[in-house]
Amino acid sequence: MRAFFIKFFDMLKDKNSGKIGAGIAFFFALFLVIFGFLKTLFIIVLTVIGYIIGALIFADKDKVKDWMDKILPPGRFR
């Protein structure tokens, strides 16, 4: 099983988009079988929303530092 994951992640590093598409389709099909259509769609929608929010928030590193200073005391973990 470990060899499968090693080969899979090596496949993702390759620049051949066909292999990446096959990997995405495999996981999509796996999620469909395990969870069903609506739960899989829900997972995909939340993943895309999380990616977009994360990309917007973490695009500016100073904004992240200011946000962390509001949560944690400044200088404590830096």
N, C-alpha and C. Protein backbone atom coordinates (compact mmCIF):
# COMPACT_ATOMS: atom_id res chain seq x y z
N MET A 1 0.83 -1.19 0.00
CA MET A 1 0.00 0.00 0.00
C MET A 1 0.87 1.25 0.00
N ARG A 2 1.96 1.22 0.75
CA ARG A 2 2.85 2.37 0.82
C ARG A 2 3.48 2.66 -0.54
N ALA A 3 3.81 1.59 -1.26
CA ALA A 3 4.39 1.76 -2.59
C ALA A 3 3.40 2.45 -3.53
N PHE A 4 2.11 2.16 -3.36
CA PHE A 4 1.09 2.81 -4.18
C PHE A 4 1.11 4.31 -3.97
N PHE A 5 1.16 4.76 -2.71
CA PHE A 5 1.15 6.18 -2.43
C PHE A 5 2.43 6.85 -2.90
N ILE A 6 3.55 6.16 -2.78
CA ILE A 6 4.81 6.72 -3.27
C ILE A 6 4.74 6.91 -4.78
N LYS A 7 4.25 5.91 -5.49
CA LYS A 7 4.12 6.03 -6.94
C LYS A 7 3.11 7.11 -7.31
N PHE A 8 2.03 7.21 -6.52
CA PHE A 8 1.01 8.22 -6.82
C PHE A 8 1.57 9.62 -6.67
N PHE A 9 2.30 9.89 -5.59
CA PHE A 9 2.85 11.22 -5.40
C PHE A 9 3.97 11.52 -6.38
N ASP A 10 4.72 10.51 -6.79
CA ASP A 10 5.71 10.71 -7.84
C ASP A 10 5.02 11.05 -9.16
N MET A 11 3.87 10.43 -9.39
CA MET A 11 3.11 10.73 -10.59
C MET A 11 2.62 12.18 -10.59
N LEU A 12 2.24 12.69 -9.43
CA LEU A 12 1.77 14.07 -9.34
C LEU A 12 2.89 15.07 -9.60
N LYS A 13 4.13 14.71 -9.27
CA LYS A 13 5.26 15.61 -9.49
C LYS A 13 5.59 15.74 -10.97
N ASP A 14 5.22 14.72 -11.76
CA ASP A 14 5.49 14.74 -13.19
C ASP A 14 4.65 15.84 -13.85
N LYS A 15 5.16 16.43 -14.91
CA LYS A 15 4.46 17.52 -15.56
C LYS A 15 3.42 17.05 -16.57
N ASN A 16 3.18 15.76 -16.64
CA ASN A 16 2.20 15.22 -17.56
C ASN A 16 0.81 15.40 -16.96
N SER A 17 0.01 16.28 -17.55
CA SER A 17 -1.30 16.60 -16.96
C SER A 17 -2.28 15.44 -17.08
N GLY A 18 -2.08 14.52 -17.98
CA GLY A 18 -2.96 13.37 -18.10
C GLY A 18 -2.93 12.50 -16.87
N LYS A 19 -1.75 12.33 -16.31
CA LYS A 19 -1.62 11.54 -15.10
C LYS A 19 -2.27 12.26 -13.91
N ILE A 20 -2.12 13.56 -13.85
CA ILE A 20 -2.74 14.31 -12.76
C ILE A 20 -4.25 14.24 -12.88
N GLY A 21 -4.76 14.37 -14.09
CA GLY A 21 -6.20 14.26 -14.31
C GLY A 21 -6.72 12.90 -13.93
N ALA A 22 -5.96 11.85 -14.24
CA ALA A 22 -6.37 10.50 -13.87
C ALA A 22 -6.39 10.34 -12.35
N GLY A 23 -5.42 10.92 -11.67
CA GLY A 23 -5.39 10.86 -10.21
C GLY A 23 -6.57 11.58 -9.59
N ILE A 24 -6.90 12.75 -10.12
CA ILE A 24 -8.05 13.50 -9.62
C ILE A 24 -9.34 12.72 -9.88
N ALA A 25 -9.45 12.15 -11.07
CA ALA A 25 -10.65 11.35 -11.39
C ALA A 25 -10.75 10.13 -10.48
N PHE A 26 -9.62 9.52 -10.16
CA PHE A 26 -9.62 8.36 -9.26
C PHE A 26 -10.16 8.75 -7.89
N PHE A 27 -9.66 9.85 -7.33
CA PHE A 27 -10.12 10.26 -6.02
C PHE A 27 -11.58 10.71 -6.05
N PHE A 28 -11.99 11.36 -7.14
CA PHE A 28 -13.39 11.75 -7.28
C PHE A 28 -14.29 10.52 -7.30
N ALA A 29 -13.89 9.51 -8.06
CA ALA A 29 -14.68 8.27 -8.12
C ALA A 29 -14.69 7.56 -6.76
N LEU A 30 -13.56 7.58 -6.08
CA LEU A 30 -13.47 6.96 -4.76
C LEU A 30 -14.41 7.66 -3.78
N PHE A 31 -14.41 8.98 -3.80
CA PHE A 31 -15.32 9.72 -2.93
C PHE A 31 -16.78 9.45 -3.29
N LEU A 32 -17.07 9.33 -4.59
CA LEU A 32 -18.44 9.02 -4.99
C LEU A 32 -18.89 7.66 -4.45
N VAL A 33 -18.02 6.68 -4.51
CA VAL A 33 -18.37 5.35 -4.03
C VAL A 33 -18.53 5.35 -2.51
N ILE A 34 -17.64 6.04 -1.81
CA ILE A 34 -17.67 6.01 -0.35
C ILE A 34 -18.79 6.88 0.21
N PHE A 35 -18.92 8.13 -0.28
CA PHE A 35 -19.83 9.09 0.33
C PHE A 35 -21.13 9.31 -0.43
N GLY A 36 -21.14 9.09 -1.72
CA GLY A 36 -22.32 9.41 -2.53
C GLY A 36 -22.14 10.77 -3.20
N PHE A 37 -23.06 11.08 -4.10
CA PHE A 37 -22.91 12.28 -4.93
C PHE A 37 -23.00 13.58 -4.14
N LEU A 38 -24.04 13.74 -3.34
CA LEU A 38 -24.26 15.01 -2.65
C LEU A 38 -23.17 15.30 -1.62
N LYS A 39 -22.75 14.29 -0.88
CA LYS A 39 -21.68 14.51 0.10
C LYS A 39 -20.36 14.83 -0.60
N THR A 40 -20.10 14.17 -1.72
CA THR A 40 -18.89 14.46 -2.48
C THR A 40 -18.93 15.88 -3.03
N LEU A 41 -20.06 16.30 -3.55
CA LEU A 41 -20.22 17.66 -4.04
C LEU A 41 -20.02 18.67 -2.92
N PHE A 42 -20.55 18.37 -1.75
CA PHE A 42 -20.38 19.24 -0.58
C PHE A 42 -18.91 19.36 -0.20
N ILE A 43 -18.18 18.25 -0.21
CA ILE A 43 -16.75 18.27 0.11
C ILE A 43 -15.99 19.10 -0.91
N ILE A 44 -16.31 18.95 -2.18
CA ILE A 44 -15.62 19.71 -3.23
C ILE A 44 -15.90 21.20 -3.11
N VAL A 45 -17.15 21.56 -2.86
CA VAL A 45 -17.51 22.98 -2.73
C VAL A 45 -16.79 23.61 -1.54
N LEU A 46 -16.78 22.93 -0.39
CA LEU A 46 -16.10 23.48 0.77
C LEU A 46 -14.59 23.56 0.56
N THR A 47 -14.01 22.61 -0.16
CA THR A 47 -12.59 22.64 -0.45
C THR A 47 -12.25 23.84 -1.33
N VAL A 48 -13.05 24.08 -2.34
CA VAL A 48 -12.81 25.22 -3.23
C VAL A 48 -12.97 26.53 -2.49
N ILE A 49 -14.00 26.64 -1.66
CA ILE A 49 -14.20 27.86 -0.87
C ILE A 49 -13.03 28.08 0.08
N GLY A 50 -12.59 27.02 0.74
CA GLY A 50 -11.44 27.13 1.65
C GLY A 50 -10.17 27.53 0.92
N TYR A 51 -9.97 27.00 -0.27
CA TYR A 51 -8.79 27.37 -1.06
C TYR A 51 -8.83 28.85 -1.45
N ILE A 52 -9.99 29.32 -1.88
CA ILE A 52 -10.12 30.72 -2.30
C ILE A 52 -9.91 31.65 -1.12
N ILE A 53 -10.53 31.35 0.01
CA ILE A 53 -10.37 32.19 1.21
C ILE A 53 -8.92 32.16 1.67
N GLY A 54 -8.31 30.99 1.70
CA GLY A 54 -6.91 30.89 2.10
C GLY A 54 -5.98 31.65 1.17
N ALA A 55 -6.24 31.57 -0.13
CA ALA A 55 -5.40 32.29 -1.09
C ALA A 55 -5.54 33.80 -0.91
N LEU A 56 -6.75 34.27 -0.62
CA LEU A 56 -6.95 35.70 -0.42
C LEU A 56 -6.33 36.19 0.88
N ILE A 57 -6.47 35.42 1.94
CA ILE A 57 -5.95 35.84 3.24
C ILE A 57 -4.43 35.77 3.28
N PHE A 58 -3.86 34.70 2.79
CA PHE A 58 -2.43 34.49 2.92
C PHE A 58 -1.62 35.07 1.77
N ALA A 59 -2.25 35.82 0.87
CA ALA A 59 -1.51 36.45 -0.22
C ALA A 59 -0.63 37.57 0.31
N ASP A 60 -1.08 38.27 1.34
CA ASP A 60 -0.32 39.36 1.95
C ASP A 60 0.25 38.89 3.28
N LYS A 61 1.56 38.71 3.36
CA LYS A 61 2.17 38.17 4.58
C LYS A 61 2.06 39.13 5.76
N ASP A 62 2.06 40.44 5.49
CA ASP A 62 1.91 41.39 6.59
C ASP A 62 0.51 41.30 7.21
N LYS A 63 -0.47 41.03 6.38
CA LYS A 63 -1.83 40.88 6.89
C LYS A 63 -1.92 39.66 7.81
N VAL A 64 -1.21 38.61 7.45
CA VAL A 64 -1.20 37.40 8.28
C VAL A 64 -0.51 37.69 9.61
N LYS A 65 0.62 38.41 9.58
CA LYS A 65 1.31 38.75 10.83
C LYS A 65 0.44 39.61 11.72
N ASP A 66 -0.25 40.59 11.14
CA ASP A 66 -1.15 41.43 11.94
C ASP A 66 -2.29 40.61 12.53
N TRP A 67 -2.82 39.67 11.74
CA TRP A 67 -3.90 38.82 12.21
C TRP A 67 -3.42 37.92 13.35
N MET A 68 -2.22 37.37 13.22
CA MET A 68 -1.66 36.52 14.27
C MET A 68 -1.36 37.33 15.53
N ASP A 69 -0.94 38.60 15.37
CA ASP A 69 -0.69 39.45 16.53
C ASP A 69 -1.98 39.74 17.30
N LYS A 70 -3.11 39.76 16.60
CA LYS A 70 -4.39 39.96 17.29
C LYS A 70 -4.77 38.72 18.09
N ILE A 71 -4.41 37.54 17.57
CA ILE A 71 -4.78 36.30 18.25
C ILE A 71 -3.79 35.96 19.35
N LEU A 72 -2.50 36.00 19.02
CA LEU A 72 -1.44 35.67 19.98
C LEU A 72 -0.71 36.95 20.39
N PRO A 73 -0.16 36.98 21.59
CA PRO A 73 0.62 38.15 21.99
C PRO A 73 1.80 38.37 21.05
N PRO A 74 2.05 39.62 20.65
CA PRO A 74 3.15 39.89 19.73
C PRO A 74 4.49 39.46 20.30
N GLY A 75 5.30 38.83 19.47
CA GLY A 75 6.64 38.46 19.85
C GLY A 75 6.75 37.17 20.65
N ARG A 76 5.67 36.59 20.99
CA ARG A 76 5.72 35.39 21.82
C ARG A 76 6.27 34.18 21.05
N PHE A 77 5.88 34.03 19.82
CA PHE A 77 6.30 32.88 19.04
C PHE A 77 7.18 33.26 17.87
N ARG A 78 7.73 34.44 17.86
CA ARG A 78 8.63 34.85 16.78
C ARG A 78 9.99 35.09 17.31
